[in-house]
Each structure stands twice: as structure tokens, then as C-alpha cells.
Amino acid sequence: MASEEDDDPIIQEIDVYLAKSLADKLYLFQYPVRPSSMTYDDVTHLSAKIKPKQQKVELEMAINTLSPNYCRSKGEQIALNVDGTTSEDSNTYSVKMMDKQTFTSIQSTTNTSRYAAAVFRKGELHITPLQGILQMRPSFSYLDKADGKHREREAANEGGDSSQDEVEEDVKAVTVRFSRPESDQARQRRIQSYDFLQKKQAEEPWVYLHYHGLNDGRSDHERQYLYCQAMGGSENTELVKTPKEYLAMLMPPITEEKIVRPVGPSNVLSMAQLRTLPLGDQVKTLLKNVKVIPFANLMGLLTPGTDSTAVLRCIQQVALLVQGNWVVKSDVLYPKNSCSPHSGVPAEVLCRGRDFVMWRFTQERSVMRKEITAIIKLLPEDVKDFLEHMAVPRINRGWEFLLPSDSDFIKKHPDVAQRQHMLWIGIQSKLEKVFNFSKEDVVSKKDPQTAMHVSGEQRLKAAQERARQNQPSLQKDLSARRQGKGGAGPSGEAGVRVKEEPVSDGEDEPMDTSSSALPNGLVNGYPSAATSAALNPHNGHGGTPTPSPSPELRDFVWNMFRKQHVLTLSEVKRLFNLHLASLPPGDSLFHSISDRLLQDTILMSHCKQILVPFPAQSTAAADEQKVFAVWETGETFDKHRQVLYEIFMKNYRVRRNVIQTRLTQEMGDQVTKDDVDRLLKECCVSFGGMWYLKGTLQS
């Protein structure tokens, strides 16, 4: 035995360390179509992106068009086939020549638990587990695009040749049928189908990356993480095992599942199982099943002794208050990427329609299904589903809310009721914009019988009578306003809300920056308190001067823009409503805040309106097209932002290189890549390789 040991002596002992800093980020790229001697280290990498869940990577690399091995005529022909003769931003090749190629990854293996990258240094071996092993192969998607262009041209040519010989066909009636509700088996087959999996993979968004070369300083910094950062033995317990523990890891004992659960339907959860869930999941599960529930009944279903304050916090995340009862939110019932079983419309449309039904029940006890269908433009079957969640049909009264109003809850929790009221004001504003209606048009009077049996002629007579009755008071109001006495005081309403006042496109905005003779406040794009009323005395309010904003309102607006930098008027109003909802009940710091006052406050807070040239086909509402940005903060970075805003006053969307070039022209060579990254992160969003000001990109 001793002789055998002498024949095979230990030459060297090497300490092995497990580095974990890059354990979930380290990928091994293989390039099987090129020999190892021909690397891509010196090739310019134009872009890189990844889908982390699928471990899918795409790299764009430049092709050396000046190489003697490059066929220029073939490169121009490929670019012509792919992009045609037009010059557009969406072209694959911007220089009318194939000057780049794309590499797409495929997984070499799905189980990488047995693979690691190792670095040997000073007698120590440091190993890092691999997250994935990917093979990078050239992508020929540009050929598919060229084939598509070719087929389009052929179809156009065939259509033009045969149009002279076409004979007008007879008009035929088309019967529209809707598919039946999907069964569980059919849904399982659809989920497991290739098309469904391809669609799910396409839904994962790309994460755009920055490429750093082999000798780049950032690469050197990241390579240091391949070494174990904590050299103590306590940090590497995976590699410090006794022989018995190591044997147990190699051959773990067989364990049997001892918990036997009762067999039951997959969609049924027992109360015993329910109470094992976290409190938030318990509340969400109950609301999804019952749809509508009073708070007292909900507390009775939960574990005795549960804190009601914690339940209130949880229920406000998954439900809305309607007539003192809690109704499950629409996005809980219709999650993203789901659709209607009746019409196939997406979840977003269903949520808007159901929110409208819920809002109607916050205004009255009964609603008519036909009226709702006429406004939300969904199938009657979808509308019936909405109503069955929260109402019951009544003869000659339409659909009545399922539960009686719970006034006890409102009296006991006025702060919650006030917060929910503010949320409903915001929802109402959004619904009015989407469905193009006003509250007065759809909410009926208190007497349902009168509303049910009034003819059109009777309604016209009633409206004329009301106009005659209101004429003296309206005339008196008008006279008072002309004398400058009306409309200056705060309203007597107890509710706190932002008044929705339409602002015409042709009104005078206190934004003129062309004349140096103007006061300094207006030159900078925002009116001072002294000049605002003088320069715009009427301000869209029938002769009533705009009240100056309170210090609290100005502080709120300044802090909001200091944090966000760029906001549309619609987003400002949304954030303001959320702020109001968070205030304690009875707080009257903000009262009667009009759209005009809110805009004036923004302009007084060192901000400026950015006149973004939205495209003609844009669906953005008027408030969404009013973009404001902080103009002066006292930082040296203000000049960078102002250059960016000037670019977006002439362009709806731009590429990064345009911004970088303009900054270099204005600021000189001291503009760094970090400056551009910070500027884009603060003020812009990216989509499809283009950059947009925040809030201007329509989903």
C-alpha cells in the first residue's frame, strides 16, 4: 500500500473557491460556424439585446464593406430586395448596402447545473456556475423580409392587370357567428400548441444591452467578479463537506410525500386551505369568488382575530367601494393577455366596460342594460356577465345592485370612503374620455318610473321648461360676472376634486418667449405671480381672474417635476388626484383646483410647455398632448435638458445618435456617454430603437 502511494505522489494541492457574484448572469457564447482563430473581438458590435426568461440573445455586428472579400454589388442588391427604393427610419440597412449581420442564439443545453467557468490564479481555482450556454448563429430574417416585399409587389402587379377584367360580384349577406365558450380540455390543447408557445415567447420584451469590448475598462471590472469575493471558508460551505455529507449529496435518501390532500375540483379551495394563505391572497381569492361582499361578511370569513386595519389595506388593492360594499376590481377578474369567451375582445377593453358598469352603480341603484351596451359598445353577453357579477334583474326597473347600501361601513370608516370617492372621480374622468360621454347625460333622475316612461317629445318639453326656469338665475350670474363679482370664492362643496374644464386650442397661453422686453418670468417660459393676471386677465373663465396658487400647491408641483422632469397634463392630474386621495379626511388645503390654475402653477414652477409635434394619426387626447418639462433647477445639467427639449419641439421621436450629435454641437466634446444615458433616463422612453419624451408614446 505504501509503495503504491510512493508511485503516485501528490504533486500540488490547489484550493478551489466558488464565486457567486455572476452566478445568475454568466453566459457562455459559442460560435460554431467559425473557427476559434477567427474571433469577433475586433468586430464592431452595433447593438445587443436579451430575453432573460427564454435565454435568447441577439447581436448586431458590422460588416467590413471595404474588405477585398466583400462583394459590393451583391450587398447593394440584398439591401434593395429587403428595403426597396424608399428611405425610411424602419429600413434594415440605412446606407443602401448590407453593412451588418444579426446573430441569434439557441440553447446548447437546458441543464447547466454541471457546467462552470473557471479562472486559475496564484495557485487558486475560482469557479462560477453558468446561467446558460448559447450558440450564436447568423440570422437570415432579412431574407424573409425580402420575400415578403417580393410577394407584395407580385400581388400588386396581378391586381393591377386583372382589375380591368373584373366583373362586379353580387353582394352577399355575411352571417357573423361567435365561438362557444372554451372548455378546459380545449384550453389545455391551445396552451400546449406551437402557435400559443410562439406567441408567449414573442410577448416577452427585449432588454437592450450595452456591449463592452474585451479590453474595455468595464470588462476588466466585471472580470474581477469571476474571483471569489469572500475567501473565508464559512462563505464556501458547498465545498467544505465531511465525507458522510458528501456521500449524502451524491446519493440522497428517498423521501415519500406524507401529506395526502383530499381529492376535489381544481377550482374549489376549502376554508382550511384558504386560511393557510397570506392575508392578501385570502382576500383576493374570496373577492374573485363572491364578486361583491360587505366588509362585515368578509371579516366573518377570515380567521377570527384578524386585524381589520390590515384587511382594509388588502381589500383596497383588489376591490373598489360601491354603495358601501366591496366589488372586485376588473383587472383581477380579467388579467392581462386574457380575452372574452363570447367576443374575444382583449382584457383591457373588458376592464373599461366593467368599470363603467361599476361607476354607474356608484351613481344609482338600477341601470338599464341597453343603455350600457349603447355606450361601451360590447356584446350583450359581455354586458350581461358584468351585470350578473354585481346586480339582479328587476321587472320594469332594469338591473338593481345586488346588495343594500352599507351606510354603517361609510360612517365607521369615513377616511376609506373619502379615498375611494377620489379614486372614482379619477376613473370617471378616464371613462368620460374613452366613451365620450358626460355624467349628466347618462345618470338618470331619482324617480325610476319617470325615467322609464318619458317619451322624446316629453323630454324636450321638460328641458325647455327647465331652461325657462333657470334663465333668471343664469342672467343674474352673467351680470355678476361682467361686473367682476362672480366666481371668485371657493365652492361650498364638501368633496375635493380637480374640475375638468375644457381648454380650447386657440386660447392664449402665457408662454411667449420671443420678446426680450417681456418680464423675466415670461422669458423663461413661466409667468410670475405679478404678471400672470395682467397678461391674461380673462384666462378662459368669463372675466374672472385666475386665483394665485397656494404655497402648498406650488410645492407639490415643484417636487413632482423635480422628481419626474417631464409630465403630460393628464399625468399631472392623475398624480394630483392620487395625492388628494392620500390626504386625511377633512383636509381642505386644495379646493376648487381648476385645469387652468394647475397649468399656471406648473408654468410658475420653473417649467415650460414643450410643443411636441404629434403625428396626425395620433390618438392622444388634448391633455395628453400638453407636455410640460422642468426648465430650470439650478444645476449645470439644465443646459443638457434644454437642448433635448428643443430637439423634441421639432421631432416627435428621434434616434440616440441625433441627440448625441446635437449635444456635442451645443456643449462641446465634454459631453460623455454617461451624460447622454442620464438625460435619456430622466426625460425619455425608448421603443423600437427610437426615443420619445415621457408620456408621448401611445401604448
Foldseek 3Di string as FASTA:
>chain_A
DVVVCVVPDDDDDFAEAEFEPCQQPAEAEAAVVDDPVDDCQVWDWDWKWAQSVQRKIKTKTWDPCPDPPHDFVVQLVLQCLQANDDQDPPRPDNVSGPTIWMWIKDFPDPDQQPDWDWDDDPRYIYTHGHNTYIYIDTDPVSVVSSVVVVVVVVVVVVCVVCVVVDDDDDDDDDDDAWDAFDDPVNVVVCCPDPVNVVVVVVPRDMDIDDDDGPPGPVNVVVVVSSHHPDPDPVVRVVPDDDPVVVVCVVPPDDDDDPDDDDDDDPLDDDLVRLQVDPLLSSLLSVCLVQQKAALVVSQVSYDPPDDSVVNLVSQVVAFAAFLRITGGQQCSNQPFPRADSGHRHHSVLLNLLLLVVSLLRSQAFADALVLSCVQSVDDSVSSVVSLVSFWDQDPLGHTGGDDHRDVVNCVVCVLSVLLSVLVSVLSQVVSCVVRVDDPVVGHDDPDSVCVRDQDPVNVVVVVVVVCVVCVVVVVVQLVCVVVQRPDPDFDPDQRAAEDEDDDDPPDDDLADQPDPPDDPLNVLRADDPVCPCVVPVCLPPSRHRDDAQDPVLLVVLLVVQVQQQKDFQSVVRVVVSNVVSPDGRPDPNHGHHYSSNNVNSNSNNQKHWQQAPADPPDPDDPRLRTMMGRQDDPDPLSVLLVQVSVVRSPHQKAALVVSVVSCCVVPNPVDDPVSSVVNCVRFWDDDPRIIGGPSSDDD
